[in-house]
Amino acid sequence: MDVKDKKEWYMEYEISKNRPGLLGDVASMLGMLNINIVTINGVQNGRRGLLLMVEEDEKIEVLRSILQKVDNITITRLRPPTLLDRLAVRHGRYIERDIEDKKTFRFIRDELGMLVDFMAEIFKKEGHQLIGIRGMPRVGKTESMIAASVSANKRWTFISSTLLRQTVRSSLAIDEMTPDHVYLIDGIVSTMRSTERHHSLLREIMSFPAAKVIEHPDIFVRESEYELSDFHYIIELRHHPDEEITYEMLNRQGFHDFDVTLGG
């Protein structure tokens, strides 16, 4: 059977006692069932994750039955791999996800590599993808968006930004309106310091079937007709886990003072 006819599965198990030879026993069982291990890694808290390649789904059920009888491990996941499963195996940990709002994902600056991989996988998806990214100045928002665009082999275009100087686009060239673009939007600049021509372009971009990333989505929603429910993903990026993401400076001093401190 050709490789393209095989199907990927994600298996994760929790280790109650990591005795010598445990991984070898699991690998032997997979080998006897002719299930290939594509990737294997620890995924934190005494758990191990494996990406598997299998020809027949029935073998997965046989594997499940066998492993339920193996001492010292408990199967926690056995399913077709999700994006989060793939990233967990690649980076050795799961992305932190909000318990109540499942579309909100949290990172700290030390995890920029994982964040870039996460956004790159989103950018690779076809059609409309709307991502909001929250974070204080100079935490790495802009550099992550650009790096993820490059990783996804996408062209990135600033619709609004304060990265080097204030950018407020009012039109795009024909070759800039293609699905292989990622459109980067500063939610403060676009809603609080722009023109009607920019708003018209923004509405066109928002309905275009391509990936859009909006910095400061809460301000963007507050000052526009869009809602947080319009976003497919909300990313929160902090310098450290306890950092508060706040716009108190903006509310107190106004945008003219706040934009001096803005940046990735």
Protein backbone atom coordinates (compact mmCIF):
# COMPACT_ATOMS: atom_id res chain seq x y z
CA MET A 1 0.00 0.00 0.00
CA ASP A 2 1.30 3.46 -0.93
CA VAL A 3 2.22 5.90 1.84
CA LYS A 4 -0.51 8.27 0.68
CA ASP A 5 -3.06 5.54 1.40
CA LYS A 6 -1.94 5.27 5.01
CA LYS A 7 -3.57 7.27 7.76
CA GLU A 8 -2.02 9.15 10.67
CA TRP A 9 -3.11 8.59 14.26
CA TYR A 10 -2.04 10.23 17.48
CA MET A 11 -1.47 8.07 20.55
CA GLU A 12 -0.70 9.41 23.99
CA TYR A 13 -0.24 7.47 27.18
CA GLU A 14 0.42 8.38 30.80
CA ILE A 15 3.21 6.54 32.59
CA SER A 16 2.46 5.47 36.15
CA LYS A 17 5.84 3.73 36.54
CA ASN A 18 8.57 4.25 33.99
CA ARG A 19 10.19 0.83 34.24
CA PRO A 20 13.13 -0.14 32.00
CA GLY A 21 12.00 -1.45 28.63
CA LEU A 22 8.51 0.09 28.76
CA LEU A 23 8.93 2.09 25.56
CA GLY A 24 10.48 -0.94 23.87
CA ASP A 25 7.44 -3.05 24.79
CA VAL A 26 5.08 -0.45 23.30
CA ALA A 27 7.21 -0.16 20.15
CA SER A 28 7.25 -3.96 19.79
CA MET A 29 3.46 -4.11 19.93
CA LEU A 30 3.23 -1.44 17.25
CA GLY A 31 5.73 -3.34 15.11
CA MET A 32 3.78 -6.59 15.40
CA LEU A 33 0.68 -4.76 14.17
CA ASN A 34 2.69 -3.19 11.33
CA ILE A 35 1.99 0.30 12.71
CA ASN A 36 4.82 2.73 12.01
CA ILE A 37 6.02 5.36 14.48
CA VAL A 38 6.45 8.69 12.68
CA THR A 39 7.41 10.84 15.69
CA ILE A 40 7.70 10.25 19.41
CA ASN A 41 8.28 12.67 22.28
CA GLY A 42 7.45 13.32 25.89
CA VAL A 43 4.50 15.71 26.19
CA GLN A 44 4.90 16.77 29.86
CA ASN A 45 3.49 15.45 33.13
CA GLY A 46 4.74 11.90 32.66
CA ARG A 47 3.06 11.46 29.28
CA ARG A 48 4.47 10.32 25.97
CA GLY A 49 2.98 11.16 22.59
CA LEU A 50 3.42 9.31 19.29
CA LEU A 51 2.39 10.10 15.74
CA LEU A 52 1.59 6.81 14.05
CA MET A 53 1.06 5.71 10.45
CA VAL A 54 -1.34 2.82 9.86
CA GLU A 55 -2.90 1.16 6.83
CA GLU A 56 -6.07 -0.15 8.45
CA ASP A 57 -8.06 1.63 11.15
CA GLU A 58 -9.07 -1.74 12.58
CA LYS A 59 -5.50 -2.17 13.81
CA ILE A 60 -5.93 0.89 16.01
CA GLU A 61 -8.80 -0.80 17.85
CA VAL A 62 -6.70 -3.92 18.28
CA LEU A 63 -3.88 -1.74 19.63
CA ARG A 64 -6.27 -0.03 22.04
CA SER A 65 -7.44 -3.37 23.40
CA ILE A 66 -3.89 -4.66 23.90
CA LEU A 67 -2.56 -1.51 25.56
CA GLN A 68 -5.44 -1.44 28.03
CA LYS A 69 -3.94 -4.62 29.50
CA VAL A 70 -0.39 -3.25 29.76
CA ASP A 71 0.73 -2.41 33.30
CA ASN A 72 2.21 1.00 34.15
CA ILE A 73 0.56 2.97 31.31
CA THR A 74 -2.87 4.46 30.68
CA ILE A 75 -4.01 5.47 27.20
CA THR A 76 -5.13 9.11 27.33
CA ARG A 77 -5.56 9.86 23.61
CA LEU A 78 -5.89 7.65 20.55
CA ARG A 79 -7.35 9.60 17.64
CA PRO A 80 -6.57 11.22 14.30
CA PRO A 81 -4.06 13.97 15.15
CA THR A 82 -5.20 17.53 15.72
CA LEU A 83 -3.01 20.57 15.14
CA LEU A 84 -2.38 20.73 18.89
CA ASP A 85 -1.37 17.04 18.96
CA ARG A 86 1.20 17.59 16.22
CA LEU A 87 2.67 20.60 17.97
CA ALA A 88 2.76 18.79 21.33
CA VAL A 89 4.86 15.99 19.83
CA ARG A 90 7.09 18.48 18.02
CA HIS A 91 7.74 20.70 21.03
CA GLY A 92 7.26 18.33 23.94
CA ARG A 93 4.35 20.13 25.56
CA TYR A 94 0.78 21.17 24.93
CA ILE A 95 -0.16 24.76 24.20
CA GLU A 96 -2.02 26.34 27.10
CA ARG A 97 -5.66 26.80 26.20
CA ASP A 98 -8.33 28.80 28.00
CA ILE A 99 -10.69 26.47 29.87
CA GLU A 100 -13.83 28.49 29.10
CA ASP A 101 -12.94 30.02 25.72
CA LYS A 102 -11.48 27.16 23.68
CA LYS A 103 -10.33 29.44 20.86
CA THR A 104 -7.96 31.39 23.15
CA PHE A 105 -4.37 30.12 23.34
CA ARG A 106 -1.67 31.43 25.68
CA PHE A 107 2.08 31.70 25.14
CA ILE A 108 5.00 33.37 26.86
CA ARG A 109 7.95 34.97 25.08
CA ASP A 110 10.18 31.95 25.74
CA GLU A 111 7.75 29.92 23.61
CA LEU A 112 8.01 32.02 20.44
CA GLY A 113 9.17 29.00 18.44
CA MET A 114 6.03 27.11 19.34
CA LEU A 115 3.88 30.18 18.64
CA VAL A 116 5.45 30.59 15.19
CA ASP A 117 4.75 26.93 14.37
CA PHE A 118 1.17 27.29 15.63
CA MET A 119 0.42 30.35 13.50
CA ALA A 120 2.20 28.90 10.47
CA GLU A 121 -0.09 25.86 10.54
CA ILE A 122 -3.12 28.17 10.70
CA PHE A 123 -1.79 30.24 7.79
CA LYS A 124 -1.46 27.09 5.68
CA LYS A 125 -5.21 26.48 5.88
CA GLU A 126 -7.21 27.62 2.88
CA GLY A 127 -9.85 30.32 3.03
CA HIS A 128 -10.78 32.90 5.63
CA GLN A 129 -8.76 32.66 8.84
CA LEU A 130 -9.08 35.48 11.37
CA ILE A 131 -6.58 35.54 14.24
CA GLY A 132 -6.38 38.09 17.03
CA ILE A 133 -3.20 38.54 19.04
CA ARG A 134 -3.07 40.24 22.43
CA GLY A 135 0.11 41.39 24.15
CA MET A 136 1.97 44.31 25.64
CA PRO A 137 4.54 46.30 23.60
CA ARG A 138 7.80 44.60 22.58
CA VAL A 139 6.70 41.10 23.57
CA GLY A 140 7.21 39.61 20.09
CA LYS A 141 3.82 39.86 18.39
CA THR A 142 4.97 41.33 15.08
CA GLU A 143 8.14 39.24 14.75
CA SER A 144 6.07 36.10 15.38
CA MET A 145 3.53 37.00 12.70
CA ILE A 146 6.24 37.65 10.11
CA ALA A 147 8.21 34.52 11.02
CA ALA A 148 5.04 32.41 10.81
CA SER A 149 4.24 33.85 7.38
CA VAL A 150 7.70 32.91 6.13
CA SER A 151 7.42 29.44 7.68
CA ALA A 152 4.06 28.91 5.96
CA ASN A 153 5.56 30.10 2.64
CA LYS A 154 3.10 33.02 2.57
CA ARG A 155 3.66 36.63 1.59
CA TRP A 156 2.96 39.07 4.42
CA THR A 157 1.50 42.54 3.92
CA PHE A 158 0.98 45.24 6.53
CA ILE A 159 -2.42 46.88 6.20
CA SER A 160 -1.70 49.00 9.28
CA SER A 161 1.27 49.02 11.63
CA THR A 162 3.61 51.10 13.81
CA LEU A 163 6.61 48.80 13.37
CA LEU A 164 9.00 51.30 11.76
CA ARG A 165 6.70 54.22 11.09
CA GLN A 166 2.97 54.42 11.01
CA THR A 167 1.55 52.43 8.10
CA VAL A 168 -2.06 52.98 7.01
CA ARG A 169 -2.77 51.46 3.62
CA SER A 170 -5.68 52.79 1.56
CA SER A 171 -5.22 50.49 -1.44
CA LEU A 172 -3.41 47.34 -2.54
CA ALA A 173 -1.90 46.33 -5.85
CA ILE A 174 -3.57 43.52 -7.77
CA ASP A 175 -0.79 41.07 -6.91
CA GLU A 176 -1.26 41.87 -3.21
CA MET A 177 -4.84 40.58 -3.22
CA THR A 178 -4.17 36.85 -3.45
CA PRO A 179 -4.92 33.94 -1.08
CA ASP A 180 -1.20 33.30 -0.55
CA HIS A 181 -0.96 36.50 1.50
CA VAL A 182 -1.19 37.01 5.25
CA TYR A 183 -2.61 40.43 6.08
CA LEU A 184 -1.25 42.05 9.24
CA ILE A 185 -3.47 44.65 10.90
CA ASP A 186 -2.89 46.84 13.94
CA GLY A 187 -6.32 47.07 15.55
CA ILE A 188 -5.55 50.41 17.21
CA VAL A 189 -4.16 52.13 14.12
CA SER A 190 -6.93 50.85 11.84
CA THR A 191 -9.80 51.96 14.08
CA MET A 192 -8.50 55.05 15.89
CA ARG A 193 -6.14 56.76 13.48
CA SER A 194 -7.13 56.08 9.90
CA THR A 195 -9.22 57.33 7.00
CA GLU A 196 -12.44 56.23 5.37
CA ARG A 197 -10.44 54.90 2.42
CA HIS A 198 -8.50 52.71 4.84
CA HIS A 199 -11.77 51.51 6.40
CA SER A 200 -13.04 50.61 2.94
CA LEU A 201 -9.90 48.59 2.21
CA LEU A 202 -10.13 46.97 5.63
CA ARG A 203 -13.69 45.80 4.99
CA GLU A 204 -12.54 44.32 1.67
CA ILE A 205 -9.63 42.53 3.34
CA MET A 206 -11.85 41.20 6.13
CA SER A 207 -14.12 39.49 3.60
CA PHE A 208 -11.26 38.19 1.45
CA PRO A 209 -10.55 34.42 1.71
CA ALA A 210 -7.08 34.64 3.23
CA ALA A 211 -5.42 34.75 6.65
CA LYS A 212 -5.68 37.97 8.67
CA VAL A 213 -3.92 38.70 11.96
CA ILE A 214 -5.15 41.60 14.07
CA GLU A 215 -3.02 42.98 16.89
CA HIS A 216 -5.04 44.40 19.79
CA PRO A 217 -8.31 42.64 18.82
CA ASP A 218 -10.18 44.03 21.85
CA ILE A 219 -9.65 47.63 20.72
CA PHE A 220 -10.44 46.62 17.15
CA VAL A 221 -13.77 45.14 18.25
CA ARG A 222 -14.56 48.03 20.57
CA GLU A 223 -14.06 50.60 17.81
CA SER A 224 -15.55 48.71 14.83
CA GLU A 225 -18.55 46.69 13.74
CA TYR A 226 -16.76 43.38 14.26
CA GLU A 227 -17.17 41.04 17.23
CA LEU A 228 -14.79 38.73 19.07
CA SER A 229 -17.01 35.87 17.88
CA ASP A 230 -15.79 36.65 14.33
CA PHE A 231 -12.30 35.46 15.27
CA HIS A 232 -11.27 31.84 14.74
CA TYR A 233 -8.31 32.10 17.14
CA ILE A 234 -7.25 34.50 19.89
CA ILE A 235 -3.57 34.37 20.87
CA GLU A 236 -2.26 35.89 24.09
CA LEU A 237 1.48 36.52 24.29
CA ARG A 238 3.13 37.57 27.57
CA HIS A 239 6.66 38.19 28.83
CA HIS A 240 5.85 35.88 31.75
CA PRO A 241 2.74 33.88 32.77
CA ASP A 242 1.53 36.44 35.33
CA GLU A 243 1.80 39.51 33.11
CA GLU A 244 -1.45 41.46 32.74
CA ILE A 245 -2.40 42.54 29.23
CA THR A 246 -3.93 45.98 29.67
CA TYR A 247 -4.74 49.10 27.66
CA GLU A 248 -4.81 51.35 30.71
CA MET A 249 -2.11 53.57 29.19
CA LEU A 250 -4.20 54.01 26.05
CA ASN A 251 -7.34 54.84 28.02
CA ARG A 252 -5.48 57.28 30.29
CA GLN A 253 -3.17 59.04 27.83
CA GLY A 254 -4.76 58.50 24.45
CA PHE A 255 -3.36 56.92 21.32
CA HIS A 256 -0.86 59.68 20.53
CA ASP A 257 1.23 58.78 23.58
CA PHE A 258 0.53 55.05 23.50
CA ASP A 259 1.70 54.51 19.90
CA VAL A 260 5.23 55.65 20.74
CA THR A 261 5.63 52.50 22.85
CA LEU A 262 3.95 50.14 20.42
CA GLY A 263 5.88 47.47 18.60
CA GLY A 264 6.15 43.70 18.16
